Amino acid sequence: EVQLVESGGGLVQAGGSLRLSCAASGFTFGDYGIGWFRQAPAKERESVGCISSSDDSTWYVESVKGRFTISSDNATNTIYLHLNNLKPEDTAVYYCAAGICVPSEQAMAARDDFWGQGTQVTVSS
């Protein structure tokens, strides 16, 4: 059974930091890139960034560049999203998903059936 389980969300003040985790199981971890997405209330889901399975290269959406970092622990099949200098507009449910990540194309295509349940991040001003 494919599982992606996010954790680490919470309430933080503006300027603060969080580390989200995405624990993957049920598929060959190295075969898929992992992407992070977020959805704020009344807004469409957007890509945050992704990490390639081939060389661990990364891509980030412009609004989080320099503040968010994606890292991978292949020993534990866990992907992390480090969120720094958080802003109220970062408030959203954050999801991880497995699929194809092509940083050079600034693209992440997630499989429909390889998504986590999400974790809430709330940033207060």
PDB file of N, CA and C in Angstrom:
ATOM      1  N   GLU A   1       0.843  -1.196   0.000  1.00  0.00           N
ATOM      2  CA  GLU A   1       0.000   0.000   0.000  1.00  0.00           C
ATOM      3  C   GLU A   1       0.875   1.240   0.000  1.00  0.00           C
ATOM      4  N   VAL A   2       0.614   2.113  -0.946  1.00  0.00           N
ATOM      5  CA  VAL A   2       1.359   3.366  -1.020  1.00  0.00           C
ATOM      6  C   VAL A   2       0.898   4.295   0.093  1.00  0.00           C
ATOM      7  N   GLN A   3       1.862   4.831   0.810  1.00  0.00           N
ATOM      8  CA  GLN A   3       1.537   5.804   1.850  1.00  0.00           C
ATOM      9  C   GLN A   3       2.536   6.942   1.826  1.00  0.00           C
ATOM     10  N   LEU A   4       2.034   8.139   1.903  1.00  0.00           N
ATOM     11  CA  LEU A   4       2.849   9.331   2.143  1.00  0.00           C
ATOM     12  C   LEU A   4       2.198  10.040   3.325  1.00  0.00           C
ATOM     13  N   VAL A   5       2.942  10.201   4.371  1.00  0.00           N
ATOM     14  CA  VAL A   5       2.397  10.748   5.606  1.00  0.00           C
ATOM     15  C   VAL A   5       3.168  12.006   5.984  1.00  0.00           C
ATOM     16  N   GLU A   6       2.457  13.133   5.957  1.00  0.00           N
ATOM     17  CA  GLU A   6       3.072  14.400   6.342  1.00  0.00           C
ATOM     18  C   GLU A   6       2.926  14.623   7.845  1.00  0.00           C
ATOM     19  N   SER A   7       3.868  15.320   8.397  1.00  0.00           N
ATOM     20  CA  SER A   7       3.799  15.719   9.799  1.00  0.00           C
ATOM     21  C   SER A   7       4.646  16.970   9.988  1.00  0.00           C
ATOM     22  N   GLY A   8       4.488  17.592  11.154  1.00  0.00           N
ATOM     23  CA  GLY A   8       5.328  18.737  11.487  1.00  0.00           C
ATOM     24  C   GLY A   8       4.652  20.089  11.362  1.00  0.00           C
ATOM     25  N   GLY A   9       3.418  20.115  10.907  1.00  0.00           N
ATOM     26  CA  GLY A   9       2.726  21.391  10.815  1.00  0.00           C
ATOM     27  C   GLY A   9       2.391  21.952  12.180  1.00  0.00           C
ATOM     28  N   GLY A  10       1.922  23.173  12.193  1.00  0.00           N
ATOM     29  CA  GLY A  10       1.559  23.793  13.453  1.00  0.00           C
ATOM     30  C   GLY A  10       1.331  25.273  13.300  1.00  0.00           C
ATOM     31  N   LEU A  11       1.225  25.933  14.448  1.00  0.00           N
ATOM     32  CA  LEU A  11       1.021  27.374  14.511  1.00  0.00           C
ATOM     33  C   LEU A  11       2.344  28.035  14.860  1.00  0.00           C
ATOM     34  N   VAL A  12       2.713  29.023  14.084  1.00  0.00           N
ATOM     35  CA  VAL A  12       3.984  29.708  14.310  1.00  0.00           C
ATOM     36  C   VAL A  12       3.802  31.195  14.012  1.00  0.00           C
ATOM     37  N   GLN A  13       4.571  32.014  14.667  1.00  0.00           N
ATOM     38  CA  GLN A  13       4.522  33.453  14.400  1.00  0.00           C
ATOM     39  C   GLN A  13       5.290  33.787  13.130  1.00  0.00           C
ATOM     40  N   ALA A  14       4.915  34.889  12.529  1.00  0.00           N
ATOM     41  CA  ALA A  14       5.631  35.359  11.345  1.00  0.00           C
ATOM     42  C   ALA A  14       7.119  35.496  11.670  1.00  0.00           C
ATOM     43  N   GLY A  15       7.941  35.061  10.730  1.00  0.00           N
ATOM     44  CA  GLY A  15       9.379  35.064  10.931  1.00  0.00           C
ATOM     45  C   GLY A  15       9.913  33.769  11.509  1.00  0.00           C
ATOM     46  N   GLY A  16       9.024  32.909  11.950  1.00  0.00           N
ATOM     47  CA  GLY A  16       9.428  31.651  12.552  1.00  0.00           C
ATOM     48  C   GLY A  16       9.716  30.563  11.531  1.00  0.00           C
ATOM     49  N   SER A  17      10.000  29.382  12.042  1.00  0.00           N
ATOM     50  CA  SER A  17      10.391  28.255  11.192  1.00  0.00           C
ATOM     51  C   SER A  17       9.640  26.993  11.584  1.00  0.00           C
ATOM     52  N   LEU A  18       9.506  26.113  10.615  1.00  0.00           N
ATOM     53  CA  LEU A  18       8.950  24.783  10.834  1.00  0.00           C
ATOM     54  C   LEU A  18       9.695  23.813   9.921  1.00  0.00           C
ATOM     55  N   ARG A  19       9.648  22.545  10.293  1.00  0.00           N
ATOM     56  CA  ARG A  19      10.145  21.502   9.410  1.00  0.00           C
ATOM     57  C   ARG A  19       9.043  20.481   9.214  1.00  0.00           C
ATOM     58  N   LEU A  20       8.610  20.336   7.972  1.00  0.00           N
ATOM     59  CA  LEU A  20       7.613  19.334   7.634  1.00  0.00           C
ATOM     60  C   LEU A  20       8.316  18.066   7.160  1.00  0.00           C
ATOM     61  N   SER A  21       7.726  16.934   7.496  1.00  0.00           N
ATOM     62  CA  SER A  21       8.258  15.642   7.067  1.00  0.00           C
ATOM     63  C   SER A  21       7.236  14.937   6.191  1.00  0.00           C
ATOM     64  N   CYS A  22       7.737  14.165   5.255  1.00  0.00           N
ATOM     65  CA  CYS A  22       6.901  13.334   4.400  1.00  0.00           C
ATOM     66  C   CYS A  22       7.516  11.941   4.404  1.00  0.00           C
ATOM     67  N   ALA A  23       6.897  11.026   5.131  1.00  0.00           N
ATOM     68  CA  ALA A  23       7.397   9.659   5.219  1.00  0.00           C
ATOM     69  C   ALA A  23       6.726   8.810   4.153  1.00  0.00           C
ATOM     70  N   ALA A  24       7.531   8.212   3.284  1.00  0.00           N
ATOM     71  CA  ALA A  24       7.007   7.462   2.150  1.00  0.00           C
ATOM     72  C   ALA A  24       7.204   5.970   2.344  1.00  0.00           C
ATOM     73  N   SER A  25       6.214   5.192   1.908  1.00  0.00           N
ATOM     74  CA  SER A  25       6.321   3.738   1.954  1.00  0.00           C
ATOM     75  C   SER A  25       5.405   3.136   0.906  1.00  0.00           C
ATOM     76  N   GLY A  26       5.660   1.864   0.589  1.00  0.00           N
ATOM     77  CA  GLY A  26       4.794   1.158  -0.352  1.00  0.00           C
ATOM     78  C   GLY A  26       5.178   1.310  -1.803  1.00  0.00           C
ATOM     79  N   PHE A  27       6.279   2.003  -2.077  1.00  0.00           N
ATOM     80  CA  PHE A  27       6.765   2.111  -3.443  1.00  0.00           C
ATOM     81  C   PHE A  27       8.272   2.295  -3.387  1.00  0.00           C
ATOM     82  N   THR A  28       8.911   2.120  -4.511  1.00  0.00           N
ATOM     83  CA  THR A  28      10.364   2.260  -4.570  1.00  0.00           C
ATOM     84  C   THR A  28      10.719   3.737  -4.531  1.00  0.00           C
ATOM     85  N   PHE A  29      11.229   4.163  -3.403  1.00  0.00           N
ATOM     86  CA  PHE A  29      11.450   5.587  -3.127  1.00  0.00           C
ATOM     87  C   PHE A  29      12.281   6.257  -4.210  1.00  0.00           C
ATOM     88  N   GLY A  30      13.319   5.585  -4.645  1.00  0.00           N
ATOM     89  CA  GLY A  30      14.232   6.180  -5.616  1.00  0.00           C
ATOM     90  C   GLY A  30      13.667   6.308  -7.013  1.00  0.00           C
ATOM     91  N   ASP A  31      12.509   5.748  -7.269  1.00  0.00           N
ATOM     92  CA  ASP A  31      11.914   5.804  -8.602  1.00  0.00           C
ATOM     93  C   ASP A  31      11.105   7.073  -8.840  1.00  0.00           C
ATOM     94  N   TYR A  32      10.842   7.821  -7.778  1.00  0.00           N
ATOM     95  CA  TYR A  32       9.946   8.967  -7.902  1.00  0.00           C
ATOM     96  C   TYR A  32      10.551  10.222  -7.304  1.00  0.00           C
ATOM     97  N   GLY A  33      10.302  11.317  -7.969  1.00  0.00           N
ATOM     98  CA  GLY A  33      10.555  12.595  -7.344  1.00  0.00           C
ATOM     99  C   GLY A  33       9.436  12.897  -6.360  1.00  0.00           C
ATOM    100  N   ILE A  34       9.721  13.771  -5.413  1.00  0.00           N
ATOM    101  CA  ILE A  34       8.724  14.151  -4.412  1.00  0.00           C
ATOM    102  C   ILE A  34       8.493  15.650  -4.499  1.00  0.00           C
ATOM    103  N   GLY A  35       7.248  16.005  -4.535  1.00  0.00           N
ATOM    104  CA  GLY A  35       6.898  17.417  -4.582  1.00  0.00           C
ATOM    105  C   GLY A  35       6.115  17.836  -3.351  1.00  0.00           C
ATOM    106  N   TRP A  36       6.230  19.084  -3.018  1.00  0.00           N
ATOM    107  CA  TRP A  36       5.414  19.695  -1.966  1.00  0.00           C
ATOM    108  C   TRP A  36       4.440  20.668  -2.622  1.00  0.00           C
ATOM    109  N   PHE A  37       3.218  20.636  -2.128  1.00  0.00           N
ATOM    110  CA  PHE A  37       2.157  21.492  -2.614  1.00  0.00           C
ATOM    111  C   PHE A  37       1.474  22.128  -1.408  1.00  0.00           C
ATOM    112  N   ARG A  38       0.728  23.173  -1.648  1.00  0.00           N
ATOM    113  CA  ARG A  38      -0.048  23.758  -0.557  1.00  0.00           C
ATOM    114  C   ARG A  38      -1.356  24.304  -1.100  1.00  0.00           C
ATOM    115  N   GLN A  39      -2.326  24.346  -0.204  1.00  0.00           N
ATOM    116  CA  GLN A  39      -3.623  24.912  -0.566  1.00  0.00           C
ATOM    117  C   GLN A  39      -4.126  25.749   0.587  1.00  0.00           C
ATOM    118  N   ALA A  40      -4.279  27.028   0.322  1.00  0.00           N
ATOM    119  CA  ALA A  40      -4.825  27.957   1.300  1.00  0.00           C
ATOM    120  C   ALA A  40      -6.340  28.008   1.140  1.00  0.00           C
ATOM    121  N   PRO A  41      -7.045  28.438   2.188  1.00  0.00           N
ATOM    122  CA  PRO A  41      -8.500  28.522   2.116  1.00  0.00           C
ATOM    123  C   PRO A  41      -8.960  29.363   0.933  1.00  0.00           C
ATOM    124  N   ALA A  42      -9.923  28.848   0.192  1.00  0.00           N
ATOM    125  CA  ALA A  42     -10.529  29.541  -0.941  1.00  0.00           C
ATOM    126  C   ALA A  42      -9.547  29.789  -2.089  1.00  0.00           C
ATOM    127  N   LYS A  43      -8.428  29.068  -2.090  1.00  0.00           N
ATOM    128  CA  LYS A  43      -7.455  29.212  -3.178  1.00  0.00           C
ATOM    129  C   LYS A  43      -7.180  27.850  -3.805  1.00  0.00           C
ATOM    130  N   GLU A  44      -6.673  27.896  -5.026  1.00  0.00           N
ATOM    131  CA  GLU A  44      -6.303  26.657  -5.685  1.00  0.00           C
ATOM    132  C   GLU A  44      -4.995  26.117  -5.108  1.00  0.00           C
ATOM    133  N   ARG A  45      -4.840  24.815  -5.230  1.00  0.00           N
ATOM    134  CA  ARG A  45      -3.596  24.202  -4.790  1.00  0.00           C
ATOM    135  C   ARG A  45      -2.457  24.666  -5.688  1.00  0.00           C
ATOM    136  N   GLU A  46      -1.306  24.918  -5.077  1.00  0.00           N
ATOM    137  CA  GLU A  46      -0.154  25.355  -5.855  1.00  0.00           C
ATOM    138  C   GLU A  46       1.065  24.522  -5.499  1.00  0.00           C
ATOM    139  N   SER A  47       1.967  24.431  -6.445  1.00  0.00           N
ATOM    140  CA  SER A  47       3.234  23.757  -6.187  1.00  0.00           C
ATOM    141  C   SER A  47       4.124  24.647  -5.350  1.00  0.00           C
ATOM    142  N   VAL A  48       4.814  24.044  -4.427  1.00  0.00           N
ATOM    143  CA  VAL A  48       5.804  24.764  -3.617  1.00  0.00           C
ATOM    144  C   VAL A  48       7.207  24.471  -4.146  1.00  0.00           C
ATOM    145  N   GLY A  49       7.445  23.231  -4.496  1.00  0.00           N
ATOM    146  CA  GLY A  49       8.747  22.823  -5.020  1.00  0.00           C
ATOM    147  C   GLY A  49       8.834  21.326  -5.086  1.00  0.00           C
ATOM    148  N   CYS A  50       9.962  20.836  -5.546  1.00  0.00           N
ATOM    149  CA  CYS A  50      10.131  19.395  -5.632  1.00  0.00           C
ATOM    150  C   CYS A  50      11.609  19.035  -5.619  1.00  0.00           C
ATOM    151  N   ILE A  51      11.858  17.742  -5.392  1.00  0.00           N
ATOM    152  CA  ILE A  51      13.221  17.217  -5.395  1.00  0.00           C
ATOM    153  C   ILE A  51      13.265  16.027  -6.339  1.00  0.00           C
ATOM    154  N   SER A  52      14.250  16.061  -7.208  1.00  0.00           N
ATOM    155  CA  SER A  52      14.382  15.018  -8.221  1.00  0.00           C
ATOM    156  C   SER A  52      14.907  13.717  -7.631  1.00  0.00           C
ATOM    157  N   SER A  53      14.422  12.596  -8.142  1.00  0.00           N
ATOM    158  CA  SER A  53      14.899  11.295  -7.671  1.00  0.00           C
ATOM    159  C   SER A  53      16.262  10.944  -8.259  1.00  0.00           C
ATOM    160  N   SER A  54      16.621  11.584  -9.363  1.00  0.00           N
ATOM    161  CA  SER A  54      17.848  11.174 -10.054  1.00  0.00           C
ATOM    162  C   SER A  54      19.105  11.787  -9.436  1.00  0.00           C
ATOM    163  N   ASP A  55      18.998  13.060  -9.016  1.00  0.00           N
ATOM    164  CA  ASP A  55      20.216  13.716  -8.517  1.00  0.00           C
ATOM    165  C   ASP A  55      19.964  14.629  -7.332  1.00  0.00           C
ATOM    166  N   ASP A  56      18.772  14.547  -6.749  1.00  0.00           N
ATOM    167  CA  ASP A  56      18.412  15.388  -5.598  1.00  0.00           C
ATOM    168  C   ASP A  56      18.438  16.884  -5.924  1.00  0.00           C
ATOM    169  N   SER A  57      18.378  17.215  -7.196  1.00  0.00           N
ATOM    170  CA  SER A  57      18.257  18.641  -7.520  1.00  0.00           C
ATOM    171  C   SER A  57      16.851  19.106  -7.164  1.00  0.00           C
ATOM    172  N   THR A  58      16.711  20.389  -6.934  1.00  0.00           N
ATOM    173  CA  THR A  58      15.446  20.918  -6.441  1.00  0.00           C
ATOM    174  C   THR A  58      14.963  22.096  -7.274  1.00  0.00           C
ATOM    175  N   TRP A  59      13.709  22.353  -7.150  1.00  0.00           N
ATOM    176  CA  TRP A  59      13.058  23.510  -7.767  1.00  0.00           C
ATOM    177  C   TRP A  59      12.081  24.084  -6.752  1.00  0.00           C
ATOM    178  N   TYR A  60      11.952  25.422  -6.734  1.00  0.00           N
ATOM    179  CA  TYR A  60      11.025  26.091  -5.831  1.00  0.00           C
ATOM    180  C   TYR A  60      10.227  27.145  -6.586  1.00  0.00           C
ATOM    181  N   VAL A  61       9.002  27.326  -6.179  1.00  0.00           N
ATOM    182  CA  VAL A  61       8.209  28.415  -6.722  1.00  0.00           C
ATOM    183  C   VAL A  61       8.809  29.731  -6.229  1.00  0.00           C
ATOM    184  N   GLU A  62       8.667  30.750  -7.027  1.00  0.00           N
ATOM    185  CA  GLU A  62       9.351  32.019  -6.748  1.00  0.00           C
ATOM    186  C   GLU A  62       9.029  32.573  -5.357  1.00  0.00           C
ATOM    187  N   SER A  63       7.797  32.406  -4.916  1.00  0.00           N
ATOM    188  CA  SER A  63       7.370  33.027  -3.661  1.00  0.00           C
ATOM    189  C   SER A  63       8.046  32.430  -2.423  1.00  0.00           C
ATOM    190  N   VAL A  64       8.680  31.263  -2.566  1.00  0.00           N
ATOM    191  CA  VAL A  64       9.322  30.638  -1.396  1.00  0.00           C
ATOM    192  C   VAL A  64      10.833  30.511  -1.559  1.00  0.00           C
ATOM    193  N   LYS A  65      11.357  30.895  -2.702  1.00  0.00           N
ATOM    194  CA  LYS A  65      12.801  30.796  -2.931  1.00  0.00           C
ATOM    195  C   LYS A  65      13.568  31.572  -1.872  1.00  0.00           C
ATOM    196  N   GLY A  66      14.607  30.939  -1.341  1.00  0.00           N
ATOM    197  CA  GLY A  66      15.417  31.577  -0.313  1.00  0.00           C
ATOM    198  C   GLY A  66      14.860  31.399   1.092  1.00  0.00           C
ATOM    199  N   ARG A  67      13.643  30.906   1.205  1.00  0.00           N
ATOM    200  CA  ARG A  67      13.024  30.694   2.521  1.00  0.00           C
ATOM    201  C   ARG A  67      12.740  29.219   2.789  1.00  0.00           C
ATOM    202  N   PHE A  68      12.371  28.475   1.780  1.00  0.00           N
ATOM    203  CA  PHE A  68      12.035  27.058   1.936  1.00  0.00           C
ATOM    204  C   PHE A  68      13.123  26.203   1.294  1.00  0.00           C
ATOM    205  N   THR A  69      13.374  25.051   1.898  1.00  0.00           N
ATOM    206  CA  THR A  69      14.367  24.115   1.362  1.00  0.00           C
ATOM    207  C   THR A  69      13.821  22.701   1.463  1.00  0.00           C
ATOM    208  N   ILE A  70      14.019  21.925   0.411  1.00  0.00           N
ATOM    209  CA  ILE A  70      13.614  20.522   0.403  1.00  0.00           C
ATOM    210  C   ILE A  70      14.868  19.666   0.523  1.00  0.00           C
ATOM    211  N   SER A  71      14.814  18.689   1.415  1.00  0.00           N
ATOM    212  CA  SER A  71      15.928  17.756   1.549  1.00  0.00           C
ATOM    213  C   SER A  71      15.383  16.333   1.632  1.00  0.00           C
ATOM    214  N   SER A  72      16.265  15.377   1.404  1.00  0.00           N
ATOM    215  CA  SER A  72      15.862  13.974   1.351  1.00  0.00           C
ATOM    216  C   SER A  72      16.751  13.126   2.228  1.00  0.00           C
ATOM    217  N   ASP A  73      16.138  12.216   2.965  1.00  0.00           N
ATOM    218  CA  ASP A  73      16.878  11.212   3.728  1.00  0.00           C
ATOM    219  C   ASP A  73      16.530   9.864   3.128  1.00  0.00           C
ATOM    220  N   ASN A  74      17.384   9.391   2.239  1.00  0.00           N
ATOM    221  CA  ASN A  74      17.084   8.152   1.523  1.00  0.00           C
ATOM    222  C   ASN A  74      17.128   6.928   2.439  1.00  0.00           C
ATOM    223  N   ALA A  75      17.835   7.031   3.543  1.00  0.00           N
ATOM    224  CA  ALA A  75      17.917   5.902   4.477  1.00  0.00           C
ATOM    225  C   ALA A  75      16.578   5.630   5.150  1.00  0.00           C
ATOM    226  N   THR A  76      15.786   6.676   5.316  1.00  0.00           N
ATOM    227  CA  THR A  76      14.494   6.510   6.000  1.00  0.00           C
ATOM    228  C   THR A  76      13.314   6.800   5.075  1.00  0.00           C
ATOM    229  N   ASN A  77      13.587   7.005   3.787  1.00  0.00           N
ATOM    230  CA  ASN A  77      12.514   7.313   2.822  1.00  0.00           C
ATOM    231  C   ASN A  77      11.670   8.502   3.284  1.00  0.00           C
ATOM    232  N   THR A  78      12.349   9.536   3.714  1.00  0.00           N
ATOM    233  CA  THR A  78      11.662  10.722   4.231  1.00  0.00           C
ATOM    234  C   THR A  78      12.151  11.958   3.483  1.00  0.00           C
ATOM    235  N   ILE A  79      11.209  12.782   3.104  1.00  0.00           N
ATOM    236  CA  ILE A  79      11.508  14.072   2.478  1.00  0.00           C
ATOM    237  C   ILE A  79      11.104  15.164   3.448  1.00  0.00           C
ATOM    238  N   TYR A  80      11.944  16.174   3.564  1.00  0.00           N
ATOM    239  CA  TYR A  80      11.673  17.279   4.478  1.00  0.00           C
ATOM    240  C   TYR A  80      11.434  18.566   3.693  1.00  0.00           C
ATOM    241  N   LEU A  81      10.572  19.389   4.237  1.00  0.00           N
ATOM    242  CA  LEU A  81      10.405  20.749   3.736  1.00  0.00           C
ATOM    243  C   LEU A  81      10.703  21.676   4.908  1.00  0.00           C
ATOM    244  N   HIS A  82      11.815  22.394   4.786  1.00  0.00           N
ATOM    245  CA  HIS A  82      12.223  23.329   5.827  1.00  0.00           C
ATOM    246  C   HIS A  82      11.647  24.695   5.479  1.00  0.00           C
ATOM    247  N   LEU A  83      10.846  25.226   6.370  1.00  0.00           N
ATOM    248  CA  LEU A  83      10.190  26.507   6.138  1.00  0.00           C
ATOM    249  C   LEU A  83      10.796  27.541   7.086  1.00  0.00           C
ATOM    250  N   ASN A  84      11.423  28.547   6.521  1.00  0.00           N
ATOM    251  CA  ASN A  84      12.044  29.606   7.319  1.00  0.00           C
ATOM    252  C   ASN A  84      11.440  30.956   6.957  1.00  0.00           C
ATOM    253  N   ASN A  85      11.596  31.898   7.883  1.00  0.00           N
ATOM    254  CA  ASN A  85      11.077  33.251   7.666  1.00  0.00           C
ATOM    255  C   ASN A  85       9.633  33.202   7.166  1.00  0.00           C
ATOM    256  N   LEU A  86       8.811  32.485   7.892  1.00  0.00           N
ATOM    257  CA  LEU A  86       7.433  32.274   7.470  1.00  0.00           C
ATOM    258  C   LEU A  86       6.629  33.566   7.494  1.00  0.00           C
ATOM    259  N   LYS A  87       5.700  33.657   6.561  1.00  0.00           N
ATOM    260  CA  LYS A  87       4.832  34.816   6.424  1.00  0.00           C
ATOM    261  C   LYS A  87       3.378  34.369   6.562  1.00  0.00           C
ATOM    262  N   PRO A  88       2.492  35.264   6.944  1.00  0.00           N
ATOM    263  CA  PRO A  88       1.075  34.878   7.060  1.00  0.00           C
ATOM    264  C   PRO A  88       0.521  34.275   5.769  1.00  0.00           C
ATOM    265  N   GLU A  89       1.018  34.726   4.634  1.00  0.00           N
ATOM    266  CA  GLU A  89       0.517  34.188   3.357  1.00  0.00           C
ATOM    267  C   GLU A  89       1.002  32.772   3.083  1.00  0.00           C
ATOM    268  N   ASP A  90       1.862  32.243   3.925  1.00  0.00           N
ATOM    269  CA  ASP A  90       2.271  30.841   3.810  1.00  0.00           C
ATOM    270  C   ASP A  90       1.269  29.909   4.480  1.00  0.00           C
ATOM    271  N   THR A  91       0.290  30.464   5.170  1.00  0.00           N
ATOM    272  CA  THR A  91      -0.724  29.649   5.831  1.00  0.00           C
ATOM    273  C   THR A  91      -1.479  28.810   4.806  1.00  0.00           C
ATOM    274  N   ALA A  92      -1.489  27.500   5.031  1.00  0.00           N
ATOM    275  CA  ALA A  92      -2.101  26.573   4.082  1.00  0.00           C
ATOM    276  C   ALA A  92      -2.000  25.160   4.637  1.00  0.00           C
ATOM    277  N   VAL A  93      -2.695  24.249   3.977  1.00  0.00           N
ATOM    278  CA  VAL A  93      -2.449  22.829   4.188  1.00  0.00           C
ATOM    279  C   VAL A  93      -1.366  22.416   3.193  1.00  0.00           C
ATOM    280  N   TYR A  94      -0.335  21.790   3.717  1.00  0.00           N
ATOM    281  CA  TYR A  94       0.792  21.378   2.904  1.00  0.00           C
ATOM    282  C   TYR A  94       0.720  19.871   2.650  1.00  0.00           C
ATOM    283  N   TYR A  95       0.915  19.508   1.388  1.00  0.00           N
ATOM    284  CA  TYR A  95       0.839  18.116   0.969  1.00  0.00           C
ATOM    285  C   TYR A  95       2.153  17.709   0.299  1.00  0.00           C
ATOM    286  N   CYS A  96       2.521  16.449   0.451  1.00  0.00           N
ATOM    287  CA  CYS A  96       3.587  15.897  -0.376  1.00  0.00           C
ATOM    288  C   CYS A  96       2.971  14.886  -1.342  1.00  0.00           C
ATOM    289  N   ALA A  97       3.643  14.707  -2.464  1.00  0.00           N
ATOM    290  CA  ALA A  97       3.160  13.791  -3.484  1.00  0.00           C
ATOM    291  C   ALA A  97       4.355  13.250  -4.253  1.00  0.00           C
ATOM    292  N   ALA A  98       4.202  12.049  -4.778  1.00  0.00           N
ATOM    293  CA  ALA A  98       5.269  11.421  -5.560  1.00  0.00           C
ATOM    294  C   ALA A  98       4.914  11.450  -7.033  1.00  0.00           C
ATOM    295  N   GLY A  99       5.951  11.649  -7.857  1.00  0.00           N
ATOM    296  CA  GLY A  99       5.728  11.680  -9.294  1.00  0.00           C
ATOM    297  C   GLY A  99       7.018  11.977 -10.020  1.00  0.00           C
ATOM    298  N   ILE A 100       6.940  12.870 -10.991  1.00  0.00           N
ATOM    299  CA  ILE A 100       8.117  13.245 -11.767  1.00  0.00           C
ATOM    300  C   ILE A 100       8.450  14.703 -11.477  1.00  0.00           C
ATOM    301  N   CYS A 101       9.675  14.918 -11.020  1.00  0.00           N
ATOM    302  CA  CYS A 101      10.155  16.265 -10.739  1.00  0.00           C
ATOM    303  C   CYS A 101      11.270  16.586 -11.721  1.00  0.00           C
ATOM    304  N   VAL A 102      11.118  17.668 -12.451  1.00  0.00           N
ATOM    305  CA  VAL A 102      12.132  18.098 -13.408  1.00  0.00           C
ATOM    306  C   VAL A 102      12.516  19.541 -13.089  1.00  0.00           C
ATOM    307  N   PRO A 103      13.484  19.722 -12.193  1.00  0.00           N
ATOM    308  CA  PRO A 103      13.838  21.085 -11.780  1.00  0.00           C
ATOM    309  C   PRO A 103      14.217  22.005 -12.936  1.00  0.00           C
ATOM    310  N   SER A 104      14.879  21.482 -13.943  1.00  0.00           N
ATOM    311  CA  SER A 104      15.292  22.316 -15.074  1.00  0.00           C
ATOM    312  C   SER A 104      14.098  22.862 -15.838  1.00  0.00           C
ATOM    313  N   GLU A 105      12.978  22.191 -15.734  1.00  0.00           N
ATOM    314  CA  GLU A 105      11.751  22.635 -16.380  1.00  0.00           C
ATOM    315  C   GLU A 105      10.799  23.311 -15.392  1.00  0.00           C
ATOM    316  N   GLN A 106      11.254  23.435 -14.140  1.00  0.00           N
ATOM    317  CA  GLN A 106      10.405  23.999 -13.080  1.00  0.00           C
ATOM    318  C   GLN A 106       9.058  23.292 -13.062  1.00  0.00           C
ATOM    319  N   ALA A 107       9.113  21.979 -13.099  1.00  0.00           N
ATOM    320  CA  ALA A 107       7.886  21.208 -13.241  1.00  0.00           C
ATOM    321  C   ALA A 107       7.843  20.032 -12.287  1.00  0.00           C
ATOM    322  N   MET A 108       6.661  19.791 -11.796  1.00  0.00           N
ATOM    323  CA  MET A 108       6.403  18.625 -10.957  1.00  0.00           C
ATOM    324  C   MET A 108       5.060  18.062 -11.363  1.00  0.00           C
ATOM    325  N   ALA A 109       5.045  16.787 -11.773  1.00  0.00           N
ATOM    326  CA  ALA A 109       3.799  16.110 -12.113  1.00  0.00           C
ATOM    327  C   ALA A 109       3.604  14.962 -11.140  1.00  0.00           C
ATOM    328  N   ALA A 110       2.601  15.075 -10.301  1.00  0.00           N
ATOM    329  CA  ALA A 110       2.359  14.066  -9.274  1.00  0.00           C
ATOM    330  C   ALA A 110       1.374  13.017  -9.763  1.00  0.00           C
ATOM    331  N   ARG A 111       1.597  11.785  -9.338  1.00  0.00           N
ATOM    332  CA  ARG A 111       0.627  10.731  -9.614  1.00  0.00           C
ATOM    333  C   ARG A 111      -0.632  11.005  -8.813  1.00  0.00           C
ATOM    334  N   ASP A 112      -1.755  10.708  -9.420  1.00  0.00           N
ATOM    335  CA  ASP A 112      -3.033  10.973  -8.746  1.00  0.00           C
ATOM    336  C   ASP A 112      -3.182  10.183  -7.457  1.00  0.00           C
ATOM    337  N   ASP A 113      -2.565   9.020  -7.407  1.00  0.00           N
ATOM    338  CA  ASP A 113      -2.783   8.117  -6.274  1.00  0.00           C
ATOM    339  C   ASP A 113      -1.630   8.118  -5.277  1.00  0.00           C
ATOM    340  N   PHE A 114      -0.686   9.061  -5.437  1.00  0.00           N
ATOM    341  CA  PHE A 114       0.478   9.088  -4.547  1.00  0.00           C
ATOM    342  C   PHE A 114       0.522  10.420  -3.803  1.00  0.00           C
ATOM    343  N   TRP A 115      -0.470  10.663  -2.976  1.00  0.00           N
ATOM    344  CA  TRP A 115      -0.564  11.904  -2.213  1.00  0.00           C
ATOM    345  C   TRP A 115      -0.696  11.607  -0.728  1.00  0.00           C
ATOM    346  N   GLY A 116      -0.190  12.515   0.084  1.00  0.00           N
ATOM    347  CA  GLY A 116      -0.412  12.430   1.508  1.00  0.00           C
ATOM    348  C   GLY A 116      -1.704  13.119   1.899  1.00  0.00           C
ATOM    349  N   GLN A 117      -1.979  13.082   3.200  1.00  0.00           N
ATOM    350  CA  GLN A 117      -3.246  13.630   3.700  1.00  0.00           C
ATOM    351  C   GLN A 117      -3.147  15.112   4.044  1.00  0.00           C
ATOM    352  N   GLY A 118      -1.931  15.621   4.119  1.00  0.00           N
ATOM    353  CA  GLY A 118      -1.742  17.040   4.384  1.00  0.00           C
ATOM    354  C   GLY A 118      -1.476  17.349   5.839  1.00  0.00           C
ATOM    355  N   THR A 119      -0.793  18.459   6.054  1.00  0.00           N
ATOM    356  CA  THR A 119      -0.543  18.959   7.401  1.00  0.00           C
ATOM    357  C   THR A 119      -0.736  20.470   7.388  1.00  0.00           C
ATOM    358  N   GLN A 120      -1.399  20.987   8.416  1.00  0.00           N
ATOM    359  CA  GLN A 120      -1.764  22.409   8.458  1.00  0.00           C
ATOM    360  C   GLN A 120      -0.602  23.246   8.972  1.00  0.00           C
ATOM    361  N   VAL A 121      -0.316  24.304   8.254  1.00  0.00           N
ATOM    362  CA  VAL A 121       0.640  25.310   8.703  1.00  0.00           C
ATOM    363  C   VAL A 121      -0.112  26.627   8.828  1.00  0.00           C
ATOM    364  N   THR A 122      -0.049  27.221  10.009  1.00  0.00           N
ATOM    365  CA  THR A 122      -0.714  28.494  10.258  1.00  0.00           C
ATOM    366  C   THR A 122       0.320  29.484  10.769  1.00  0.00           C
ATOM    367  N   VAL A 123       0.425  30.613  10.086  1.00  0.00           N
ATOM    368  CA  VAL A 123       1.402  31.636  10.457  1.00  0.00           C
ATOM    369  C   VAL A 123       0.645  32.873  10.912  1.00  0.00           C
ATOM    370  N   SER A 124       0.867  33.253  12.141  1.00  0.00           N
ATOM    371  CA  SER A 124       0.187  34.424  12.695  1.00  0.00           C
ATOM    372  C   SER A 124       1.050  35.668  12.508  1.00  0.00           C
ATOM    373  N   SER A 125       0.374  36.792  12.345  1.00  0.00           N
ATOM    374  CA  SER A 125       1.111  38.048  12.123  1.00  0.00           C
ATOM    375  C   SER A 125       1.422  38.753  13.434  1.00  0.00           C
TER     376      SER A 125
END
